[in-house]
Amino acid sequence: MKKYEIVKEHKDFDDVLHTGSCKKCLYVYIYNKDNNLSISRFGIAAGKKIGNAVTRNKMKRRYRMIINNNKNLFKKGKDYIIIVKGSAVNASYEQLNKDIVKSLSE
């Protein structure tokens, strides 16, 4: 992901979480909301329940790679927030990728 494709500000993050729509997947929650821009932006959150900092950063790296490989599935002009569930820690990269692809293609 490029720097301009990241939801950085706390108010933008909260706005998507509180007023956006949500999809529940096996390993993540995906929130999205229109952003009135020509690009889509992404934010990834992994709470302390996931594990220590090494584990949380590993999960965020995996989801960044999944987003980069599947950008064509995400609609332009939306903000996406991906909240990682605890069950994602034990899943393989292929399982995580299939979960995202399946949920976005619905």
Protein backbone atom coordinates (compact mmCIF):
# COMPACT_ATOMS: atom_id res chain seq x y z
CA MET A 1 0.00 0.00 0.00
CA LYS A 2 1.14 3.51 -0.76
CA LYS A 3 1.14 6.14 1.99
CA TYR A 4 -1.79 7.98 0.43
CA GLU A 5 -3.84 4.76 0.56
CA ILE A 6 -3.76 4.55 4.37
CA VAL A 7 -6.41 5.84 6.75
CA LYS A 8 -4.18 7.65 9.23
CA GLU A 9 -6.28 10.09 11.21
CA HIS A 10 -8.16 8.88 14.25
CA LYS A 11 -11.33 10.79 13.34
CA ASP A 12 -11.44 9.12 9.89
CA PHE A 13 -10.88 5.72 11.48
CA ASP A 14 -13.69 6.27 14.02
CA ASP A 15 -16.01 7.68 11.36
CA VAL A 16 -15.74 4.51 9.29
CA LEU A 17 -16.18 2.27 12.33
CA HIS A 18 -19.22 4.11 13.71
CA THR A 19 -21.11 5.08 10.54
CA GLY A 20 -19.88 2.60 7.90
CA SER A 21 -21.27 -0.77 6.95
CA CYS A 22 -19.74 -3.98 8.30
CA LYS A 23 -19.09 -7.43 6.85
CA LYS A 24 -18.29 -10.25 9.23
CA CYS A 25 -15.84 -12.82 7.95
CA LEU A 26 -14.24 -15.85 9.52
CA TYR A 27 -10.99 -14.05 10.39
CA VAL A 28 -11.79 -10.31 10.17
CA TYR A 29 -14.45 -7.63 10.31
CA ILE A 30 -14.45 -5.35 7.25
CA TYR A 31 -15.94 -1.89 7.69
CA ASN A 32 -16.36 0.42 4.70
CA LYS A 33 -17.69 3.87 3.95
CA ASP A 34 -17.58 6.30 1.03
CA ASN A 35 -14.72 8.80 1.27
CA ASN A 36 -15.47 11.19 -1.66
CA LEU A 37 -11.99 10.60 -3.10
CA SER A 38 -10.92 8.90 -6.32
CA ILE A 39 -8.92 6.26 -4.42
CA SER A 40 -9.71 3.69 -1.77
CA ARG A 41 -7.92 3.90 1.57
CA PHE A 42 -7.24 1.14 4.07
CA GLY A 43 -6.69 0.80 7.80
CA ILE A 44 -5.79 -2.37 9.67
CA ALA A 45 -6.29 -2.88 13.41
CA ALA A 46 -5.10 -5.78 15.53
CA GLY A 47 -5.90 -5.53 19.23
CA LYS A 48 -3.90 -6.83 22.16
CA LYS A 49 -6.13 -9.90 22.40
CA ILE A 50 -4.43 -11.15 19.22
CA GLY A 51 -1.08 -11.53 20.96
CA ASN A 52 2.15 -9.66 21.53
CA ALA A 53 3.51 -6.92 19.25
CA VAL A 54 5.34 -9.40 17.02
CA THR A 55 2.14 -11.35 16.35
CA ARG A 56 0.04 -8.24 15.77
CA ASN A 57 2.56 -6.79 13.32
CA LYS A 58 2.80 -10.12 11.50
CA MET A 59 -0.97 -10.15 11.01
CA LYS A 60 -0.95 -6.56 9.77
CA ARG A 61 1.85 -7.35 7.29
CA ARG A 62 -0.11 -10.32 5.98
CA TYR A 63 -3.25 -8.27 5.46
CA ARG A 64 -1.29 -5.47 3.76
CA MET A 65 0.04 -8.05 1.30
CA ILE A 66 -3.45 -9.45 0.73
CA ILE A 67 -4.78 -5.94 0.05
CA ASN A 68 -1.96 -5.22 -2.41
CA ASN A 69 -2.57 -8.47 -4.28
CA ASN A 70 -6.36 -8.02 -4.47
CA LYS A 71 -6.82 -4.27 -5.02
CA ASN A 72 -9.14 -4.93 -7.96
CA LEU A 73 -11.76 -6.37 -5.55
CA PHE A 74 -11.99 -3.17 -3.50
CA LYS A 75 -14.27 -0.43 -4.82
CA LYS A 76 -12.75 2.97 -5.59
CA GLY A 77 -13.76 5.92 -3.43
CA LYS A 78 -14.19 4.00 -0.17
CA ASP A 79 -12.38 3.76 3.14
CA TYR A 80 -11.88 0.21 4.44
CA ILE A 81 -11.03 -0.70 8.02
CA ILE A 82 -10.02 -4.30 8.66
CA ILE A 83 -10.26 -5.49 12.28
CA VAL A 84 -8.35 -8.74 12.81
CA LYS A 85 -9.99 -11.45 14.93
CA GLY A 86 -8.08 -13.77 17.24
CA SER A 87 -8.84 -16.78 15.06
CA ALA A 88 -6.66 -15.32 12.29
CA VAL A 89 -3.45 -16.00 14.23
CA ASN A 90 -3.57 -19.75 13.63
CA ALA A 91 -4.71 -19.50 10.00
CA SER A 92 -2.39 -19.79 7.02
CA TYR A 93 -1.86 -16.99 4.52
CA GLU A 94 -3.91 -18.88 1.92
CA GLN A 95 -6.86 -19.21 4.30
CA LEU A 96 -6.74 -15.49 5.13
CA ASN A 97 -6.58 -14.61 1.43
CA LYS A 98 -9.54 -16.87 0.54
CA ASP A 99 -11.60 -15.36 3.36
CA ILE A 100 -11.04 -11.79 2.12
CA VAL A 101 -11.65 -12.70 -1.54
CA LYS A 102 -14.83 -14.59 -0.71
CA SER A 103 -16.26 -11.81 1.43
CA LEU A 104 -15.49 -9.03 -1.07
CA SER A 105 -16.86 -10.92 -4.05
CA GLU A 106 -20.29 -11.35 -2.38
